[in-house]
Amino acid sequence: MAKKKGFEPKVFRQRFRQLCKETRLNQMQLAAKIGLTQASVSRYLGGSPPNVSAMVRIARGFGVSLDWLCGLKNKRK
């Protein structure tokens, strides 16, 4: 039986870091842009998995698909 692909925390962290570098915003600016606290942004960049609501905010804030952000697809949009 083939294993179903699901949320990939490592991929999420890599892609979130990539998006952060591309915007060149500091954590406070980034948090304000996506509607999260700076502490949450710091935790997610450090490897703590976000809840679904936070993932949706991040995806919308950066204009990427949630599937891409979570490692389910390779297309950003």
PDB file of N, CA and C in Angstrom:
ATOM      1  N   MET A   1       0.845  -1.184   0.000  1.00  0.00           N
ATOM      2  CA  MET A   1       0.000   0.000   0.000  1.00  0.00           C
ATOM      3  C   MET A   1       0.888   1.245   0.000  1.00  0.00           C
ATOM      4  N   ALA A   2       0.610   2.186  -0.886  1.00  0.00           N
ATOM      5  CA  ALA A   2       1.392   3.413  -1.001  1.00  0.00           C
ATOM      6  C   ALA A   2       1.079   4.347   0.161  1.00  0.00           C
ATOM      7  N   LYS A   3       2.108   4.974   0.674  1.00  0.00           N
ATOM      8  CA  LYS A   3       1.943   5.913   1.767  1.00  0.00           C
ATOM      9  C   LYS A   3       1.398   7.233   1.235  1.00  0.00           C
ATOM     10  N   LYS A   4       0.344   7.750   1.872  1.00  0.00           N
ATOM     11  CA  LYS A   4      -0.221   9.030   1.463  1.00  0.00           C
ATOM     12  C   LYS A   4       0.683  10.148   1.957  1.00  0.00           C
ATOM     13  N   LYS A   5       0.866  11.123   1.114  1.00  0.00           N
ATOM     14  CA  LYS A   5       1.683  12.266   1.481  1.00  0.00           C
ATOM     15  C   LYS A   5       0.841  13.233   2.301  1.00  0.00           C
ATOM     16  N   GLY A   6       1.385  13.697   3.412  1.00  0.00           N
ATOM     17  CA  GLY A   6       0.676  14.632   4.270  1.00  0.00           C
ATOM     18  C   GLY A   6       1.538  15.834   4.599  1.00  0.00           C
ATOM     19  N   PHE A   7       1.150  16.558   5.609  1.00  0.00           N
ATOM     20  CA  PHE A   7       1.876  17.744   6.057  1.00  0.00           C
ATOM     21  C   PHE A   7       3.323  17.380   6.367  1.00  0.00           C
ATOM     22  N   GLU A   8       4.232  18.155   5.809  1.00  0.00           N
ATOM     23  CA  GLU A   8       5.671  17.933   5.998  1.00  0.00           C
ATOM     24  C   GLU A   8       6.247  19.113   6.792  1.00  0.00           C
ATOM     25  N   PRO A   9       6.409  18.963   8.118  1.00  0.00           N
ATOM     26  CA  PRO A   9       6.908  20.085   8.928  1.00  0.00           C
ATOM     27  C   PRO A   9       8.245  20.647   8.453  1.00  0.00           C
ATOM     28  N   LYS A  10       9.140  19.783   8.024  1.00  0.00           N
ATOM     29  CA  LYS A  10      10.454  20.233   7.554  1.00  0.00           C
ATOM     30  C   LYS A  10      10.310  21.077   6.284  1.00  0.00           C
ATOM     31  N   VAL A  11       9.442  20.639   5.374  1.00  0.00           N
ATOM     32  CA  VAL A  11       9.204  21.382   4.138  1.00  0.00           C
ATOM     33  C   VAL A  11       8.540  22.716   4.455  1.00  0.00           C
ATOM     34  N   PHE A  12       7.572  22.705   5.373  1.00  0.00           N
ATOM     35  CA  PHE A  12       6.910  23.953   5.776  1.00  0.00           C
ATOM     36  C   PHE A  12       7.950  24.955   6.265  1.00  0.00           C
ATOM     37  N   ARG A  13       8.826  24.520   7.169  1.00  0.00           N
ATOM     38  CA  ARG A  13       9.831  25.426   7.730  1.00  0.00           C
ATOM     39  C   ARG A  13      10.755  25.973   6.640  1.00  0.00           C
ATOM     40  N   GLN A  14      11.194  25.121   5.741  1.00  0.00           N
ATOM     41  CA  GLN A  14      12.076  25.560   4.653  1.00  0.00           C
ATOM     42  C   GLN A  14      11.380  26.593   3.768  1.00  0.00           C
ATOM     43  N   ARG A  15      10.139  26.319   3.431  1.00  0.00           N
ATOM     44  CA  ARG A  15       9.409  27.230   2.534  1.00  0.00           C
ATOM     45  C   ARG A  15       9.047  28.534   3.233  1.00  0.00           C
ATOM     46  N   PHE A  16       8.703  28.461   4.507  1.00  0.00           N
ATOM     47  CA  PHE A  16       8.401  29.668   5.269  1.00  0.00           C
ATOM     48  C   PHE A  16       9.658  30.530   5.369  1.00  0.00           C
ATOM     49  N   ARG A  17      10.789  29.923   5.653  1.00  0.00           N
ATOM     50  CA  ARG A  17      12.053  30.665   5.706  1.00  0.00           C
ATOM     51  C   ARG A  17      12.376  31.293   4.352  1.00  0.00           C
ATOM     52  N   GLN A  18      12.147  30.539   3.291  1.00  0.00           N
ATOM     53  CA  GLN A  18      12.394  31.047   1.934  1.00  0.00           C
ATOM     54  C   GLN A  18      11.546  32.293   1.669  1.00  0.00           C
ATOM     55  N   LEU A  19      10.266  32.230   2.016  1.00  0.00           N
ATOM     56  CA  LEU A  19       9.372  33.370   1.815  1.00  0.00           C
ATOM     57  C   LEU A  19       9.814  34.574   2.640  1.00  0.00           C
ATOM     58  N   CYS A  20      10.256  34.322   3.855  1.00  0.00           N
ATOM     59  CA  CYS A  20      10.713  35.407   4.726  1.00  0.00           C
ATOM     60  C   CYS A  20      11.938  36.096   4.135  1.00  0.00           C
ATOM     61  N   LYS A  21      12.871  35.315   3.625  1.00  0.00           N
ATOM     62  CA  LYS A  21      14.075  35.896   3.009  1.00  0.00           C
ATOM     63  C   LYS A  21      13.715  36.720   1.780  1.00  0.00           C
ATOM     64  N   GLU A  22      12.772  36.227   1.003  1.00  0.00           N
ATOM     65  CA  GLU A  22      12.375  36.936  -0.214  1.00  0.00           C
ATOM     66  C   GLU A  22      11.760  38.301   0.082  1.00  0.00           C
ATOM     67  N   THR A  23      11.035  38.416   1.180  1.00  0.00           N
ATOM     68  CA  THR A  23      10.373  39.687   1.511  1.00  0.00           C
ATOM     69  C   THR A  23      11.310  40.672   2.198  1.00  0.00           C
ATOM     70  N   ARG A  24      12.392  40.152   2.778  1.00  0.00           N
ATOM     71  CA  ARG A  24      13.360  40.980   3.502  1.00  0.00           C
ATOM     72  C   ARG A  24      12.730  41.783   4.631  1.00  0.00           C
ATOM     73  N   LEU A  25      11.721  41.209   5.265  1.00  0.00           N
ATOM     74  CA  LEU A  25      11.086  41.844   6.423  1.00  0.00           C
ATOM     75  C   LEU A  25      11.651  41.222   7.692  1.00  0.00           C
ATOM     76  N   ASN A  26      11.732  42.015   8.773  1.00  0.00           N
ATOM     77  CA  ASN A  26      12.122  41.418  10.043  1.00  0.00           C
ATOM     78  C   ASN A  26      10.912  40.699  10.637  1.00  0.00           C
ATOM     79  N   GLN A  27      11.115  39.985  11.716  1.00  0.00           N
ATOM     80  CA  GLN A  27      10.026  39.172  12.276  1.00  0.00           C
ATOM     81  C   GLN A  27       8.832  40.010  12.713  1.00  0.00           C
ATOM     82  N   MET A  28       9.063  41.197  13.259  1.00  0.00           N
ATOM     83  CA  MET A  28       7.950  42.065  13.683  1.00  0.00           C
ATOM     84  C   MET A  28       7.141  42.535  12.478  1.00  0.00           C
ATOM     85  N   GLN A  29       7.821  42.943  11.415  1.00  0.00           N
ATOM     86  CA  GLN A  29       7.139  43.397  10.212  1.00  0.00           C
ATOM     87  C   GLN A  29       6.374  42.249   9.560  1.00  0.00           C
ATOM     88  N   LEU A  30       7.000  41.107   9.535  1.00  0.00           N
ATOM     89  CA  LEU A  30       6.376  39.921   8.962  1.00  0.00           C
ATOM     90  C   LEU A  30       5.127  39.535   9.747  1.00  0.00           C
ATOM     91  N   ALA A  31       5.240  39.549  11.063  1.00  0.00           N
ATOM     92  CA  ALA A  31       4.101  39.206  11.920  1.00  0.00           C
ATOM     93  C   ALA A  31       2.921  40.145  11.663  1.00  0.00           C
ATOM     94  N   ALA A  32       3.213  41.430  11.551  1.00  0.00           N
ATOM     95  CA  ALA A  32       2.153  42.408  11.277  1.00  0.00           C
ATOM     96  C   ALA A  32       1.524  42.162   9.916  1.00  0.00           C
ATOM     97  N   LYS A  33       2.341  41.816   8.935  1.00  0.00           N
ATOM     98  CA  LYS A  33       1.838  41.576   7.574  1.00  0.00           C
ATOM     99  C   LYS A  33       0.870  40.398   7.511  1.00  0.00           C
ATOM    100  N   ILE A  34       1.172  39.332   8.249  1.00  0.00           N
ATOM    101  CA  ILE A  34       0.345  38.123   8.154  1.00  0.00           C
ATOM    102  C   ILE A  34      -0.620  37.941   9.322  1.00  0.00           C
ATOM    103  N   GLY A  35      -0.600  38.865  10.278  1.00  0.00           N
ATOM    104  CA  GLY A  35      -1.570  38.821  11.365  1.00  0.00           C
ATOM    105  C   GLY A  35      -1.249  37.821  12.467  1.00  0.00           C
ATOM    106  N   LEU A  36       0.034  37.634  12.735  1.00  0.00           N
ATOM    107  CA  LEU A  36       0.468  36.752  13.814  1.00  0.00           C
ATOM    108  C   LEU A  36       1.354  37.549  14.766  1.00  0.00           C
ATOM    109  N   THR A  37       1.677  36.964  15.905  1.00  0.00           N
ATOM    110  CA  THR A  37       2.605  37.620  16.814  1.00  0.00           C
ATOM    111  C   THR A  37       4.038  37.320  16.385  1.00  0.00           C
ATOM    112  N   GLN A  38       4.953  38.173  16.820  1.00  0.00           N
ATOM    113  CA  GLN A  38       6.363  37.950  16.522  1.00  0.00           C
ATOM    114  C   GLN A  38       6.826  36.650  17.162  1.00  0.00           C
ATOM    115  N   ALA A  39       6.309  36.330  18.340  1.00  0.00           N
ATOM    116  CA  ALA A  39       6.679  35.082  19.021  1.00  0.00           C
ATOM    117  C   ALA A  39       6.258  33.866  18.195  1.00  0.00           C
ATOM    118  N   SER A  40       5.090  33.931  17.590  1.00  0.00           N
ATOM    119  CA  SER A  40       4.617  32.820  16.749  1.00  0.00           C
ATOM    120  C   SER A  40       5.505  32.659  15.523  1.00  0.00           C
ATOM    121  N   VAL A  41       5.825  33.767  14.878  1.00  0.00           N
ATOM    122  CA  VAL A  41       6.700  33.719  13.703  1.00  0.00           C
ATOM    123  C   VAL A  41       8.031  33.083  14.093  1.00  0.00           C
ATOM    124  N   SER A  42       8.575  33.496  15.211  1.00  0.00           N
ATOM    125  CA  SER A  42       9.848  32.957  15.687  1.00  0.00           C
ATOM    126  C   SER A  42       9.755  31.450  15.931  1.00  0.00           C
ATOM    127  N   ARG A  43       8.671  31.012  16.553  1.00  0.00           N
ATOM    128  CA  ARG A  43       8.480  29.569  16.814  1.00  0.00           C
ATOM    129  C   ARG A  43       8.403  28.783  15.516  1.00  0.00           C
ATOM    130  N   TYR A  44       7.655  29.288  14.546  1.00  0.00           N
ATOM    131  CA  TYR A  44       7.486  28.575  13.275  1.00  0.00           C
ATOM    132  C   TYR A  44       8.796  28.521  12.490  1.00  0.00           C
ATOM    133  N   LEU A  45       9.563  29.599  12.535  1.00  0.00           N
ATOM    134  CA  LEU A  45      10.866  29.603  11.873  1.00  0.00           C
ATOM    135  C   LEU A  45      11.842  28.655  12.565  1.00  0.00           C
ATOM    136  N   GLY A  46      11.619  28.451  13.855  1.00  0.00           N
ATOM    137  CA  GLY A  46      12.475  27.557  14.631  1.00  0.00           C
ATOM    138  C   GLY A  46      12.106  26.093  14.518  1.00  0.00           C
ATOM    139  N   GLY A  47      10.980  25.802  13.878  1.00  0.00           N
ATOM    140  CA  GLY A  47      10.617  24.410  13.657  1.00  0.00           C
ATOM    141  C   GLY A  47       9.338  23.939  14.319  1.00  0.00           C
ATOM    142  N   SER A  48       8.714  24.754  15.155  1.00  0.00           N
ATOM    143  CA  SER A  48       7.432  24.357  15.745  1.00  0.00           C
ATOM    144  C   SER A  48       6.353  24.395  14.673  1.00  0.00           C
ATOM    145  N   PRO A  49       5.562  23.350  14.556  1.00  0.00           N
ATOM    146  CA  PRO A  49       4.520  23.357  13.524  1.00  0.00           C
ATOM    147  C   PRO A  49       3.365  24.291  13.904  1.00  0.00           C
ATOM    148  N   PRO A  50       2.901  25.084  12.968  1.00  0.00           N
ATOM    149  CA  PRO A  50       1.773  25.980  13.239  1.00  0.00           C
ATOM    150  C   PRO A  50       0.444  25.244  13.177  1.00  0.00           C
ATOM    151  N   ASN A  51      -0.577  25.880  13.742  1.00  0.00           N
ATOM    152  CA  ASN A  51      -1.916  25.309  13.599  1.00  0.00           C
ATOM    153  C   ASN A  51      -2.460  25.681  12.218  1.00  0.00           C
ATOM    154  N   VAL A  52      -3.583  25.121  11.861  1.00  0.00           N
ATOM    155  CA  VAL A  52      -4.141  25.323  10.524  1.00  0.00           C
ATOM    156  C   VAL A  52      -4.458  26.794  10.271  1.00  0.00           C
ATOM    157  N   SER A  53      -5.008  27.470  11.253  1.00  0.00           N
ATOM    158  CA  SER A  53      -5.353  28.877  11.099  1.00  0.00           C
ATOM    159  C   SER A  53      -4.108  29.712  10.775  1.00  0.00           C
ATOM    160  N   ALA A  54      -3.017  29.457  11.457  1.00  0.00           N
ATOM    161  CA  ALA A  54      -1.772  30.183  11.206  1.00  0.00           C
ATOM    162  C   ALA A  54      -1.237  29.869   9.812  1.00  0.00           C
ATOM    163  N   MET A  55      -1.320  28.609   9.402  1.00  0.00           N
ATOM    164  CA  MET A  55      -0.847  28.244   8.063  1.00  0.00           C
ATOM    165  C   MET A  55      -1.643  28.963   6.983  1.00  0.00           C
ATOM    166  N   VAL A  56      -2.948  29.078   7.187  1.00  0.00           N
ATOM    167  CA  VAL A  56      -3.799  29.785   6.222  1.00  0.00           C
ATOM    168  C   VAL A  56      -3.397  31.260   6.151  1.00  0.00           C
ATOM    169  N   ARG A  57      -3.163  31.883   7.314  1.00  0.00           N
ATOM    170  CA  ARG A  57      -2.740  33.292   7.335  1.00  0.00           C
ATOM    171  C   ARG A  57      -1.415  33.491   6.612  1.00  0.00           C
ATOM    172  N   ILE A  58      -0.487  32.566   6.834  1.00  0.00           N
ATOM    173  CA  ILE A  58       0.827  32.660   6.195  1.00  0.00           C
ATOM    174  C   ILE A  58       0.686  32.524   4.679  1.00  0.00           C
ATOM    175  N   ALA A  59      -0.056  31.518   4.246  1.00  0.00           N
ATOM    176  CA  ALA A  59      -0.244  31.294   2.805  1.00  0.00           C
ATOM    177  C   ALA A  59      -0.905  32.507   2.149  1.00  0.00           C
ATOM    178  N   ARG A  60      -1.954  33.020   2.767  1.00  0.00           N
ATOM    179  CA  ARG A  60      -2.648  34.193   2.206  1.00  0.00           C
ATOM    180  C   ARG A  60      -1.749  35.423   2.209  1.00  0.00           C
ATOM    181  N   GLY A  61      -1.019  35.602   3.294  1.00  0.00           N
ATOM    182  CA  GLY A  61      -0.144  36.766   3.421  1.00  0.00           C
ATOM    183  C   GLY A  61       0.944  36.817   2.363  1.00  0.00           C
ATOM    184  N   PHE A  62       1.409  35.641   1.957  1.00  0.00           N
ATOM    185  CA  PHE A  62       2.458  35.571   0.947  1.00  0.00           C
ATOM    186  C   PHE A  62       1.925  35.291  -0.456  1.00  0.00           C
ATOM    187  N   GLY A  63       0.631  35.030  -0.571  1.00  0.00           N
ATOM    188  CA  GLY A  63       0.045  34.761  -1.884  1.00  0.00           C
ATOM    189  C   GLY A  63       0.463  33.430  -2.481  1.00  0.00           C
ATOM    190  N   VAL A  64       0.641  32.434  -1.623  1.00  0.00           N
ATOM    191  CA  VAL A  64       1.005  31.088  -2.080  1.00  0.00           C
ATOM    192  C   VAL A  64      -0.093  30.112  -1.676  1.00  0.00           C
ATOM    193  N   SER A  65      -0.080  28.944  -2.289  1.00  0.00           N
ATOM    194  CA  SER A  65      -1.095  27.957  -1.926  1.00  0.00           C
ATOM    195  C   SER A  65      -0.708  27.263  -0.622  1.00  0.00           C
ATOM    196  N   LEU A  66      -1.701  26.894   0.122  1.00  0.00           N
ATOM    197  CA  LEU A  66      -1.484  26.155   1.368  1.00  0.00           C
ATOM    198  C   LEU A  66      -0.850  24.796   1.067  1.00  0.00           C
ATOM    199  N   ASP A  67      -1.248  24.190  -0.036  1.00  0.00           N
ATOM    200  CA  ASP A  67      -0.667  22.900  -0.427  1.00  0.00           C
ATOM    201  C   ASP A  67       0.840  23.019  -0.661  1.00  0.00           C
ATOM    202  N   TRP A  68       1.258  24.095  -1.316  1.00  0.00           N
ATOM    203  CA  TRP A  68       2.691  24.297  -1.550  1.00  0.00           C
ATOM    204  C   TRP A  68       3.420  24.532  -0.233  1.00  0.00           C
ATOM    205  N   LEU A  69       2.862  25.402   0.599  1.00  0.00           N
ATOM    206  CA  LEU A  69       3.488  25.752   1.869  1.00  0.00           C
ATOM    207  C   LEU A  69       3.680  24.524   2.760  1.00  0.00           C
ATOM    208  N   CYS A  70       2.726  23.615   2.717  1.00  0.00           N
ATOM    209  CA  CYS A  70       2.773  22.415   3.567  1.00  0.00           C
ATOM    210  C   CYS A  70       3.543  21.251   2.947  1.00  0.00           C
ATOM    211  N   GLY A  71       4.005  21.412   1.723  1.00  0.00           N
ATOM    212  CA  GLY A  71       4.772  20.359   1.092  1.00  0.00           C
ATOM    213  C   GLY A  71       3.947  19.341   0.339  1.00  0.00           C
ATOM    214  N   LEU A  72       2.688  19.663   0.083  1.00  0.00           N
ATOM    215  CA  LEU A  72       1.816  18.715  -0.633  1.00  0.00           C
ATOM    216  C   LEU A  72       1.934  18.853  -2.147  1.00  0.00           C
ATOM    217  N   LYS A  73       2.302  20.052  -2.607  1.00  0.00           N
ATOM    218  CA  LYS A  73       2.455  20.302  -4.046  1.00  0.00           C
ATOM    219  C   LYS A  73       3.708  21.117  -4.278  1.00  0.00           C
ATOM    220  N   ASN A  74       4.194  21.084  -5.506  1.00  0.00           N
ATOM    221  CA  ASN A  74       5.408  21.824  -5.834  1.00  0.00           C
ATOM    222  C   ASN A  74       5.153  23.149  -6.530  1.00  0.00           C
ATOM    223  N   LYS A  75       3.880  23.460  -6.831  1.00  0.00           N
ATOM    224  CA  LYS A  75       3.524  24.749  -7.439  1.00  0.00           C
ATOM    225  C   LYS A  75       3.145  25.720  -6.333  1.00  0.00           C
ATOM    226  N   ARG A  76       3.695  26.931  -6.413  1.00  0.00           N
ATOM    227  CA  ARG A  76       3.411  27.936  -5.379  1.00  0.00           C
ATOM    228  C   ARG A  76       1.951  28.374  -5.334  1.00  0.00           C
ATOM    229  N   LYS A  77       1.320  28.451  -6.484  1.00  0.00           N
ATOM    230  CA  LYS A  77      -0.069  28.964  -6.519  1.00  0.00           C
ATOM    231  C   LYS A  77      -1.037  27.902  -6.920  1.00  0.00           C
TER     232      LYS A  77
END
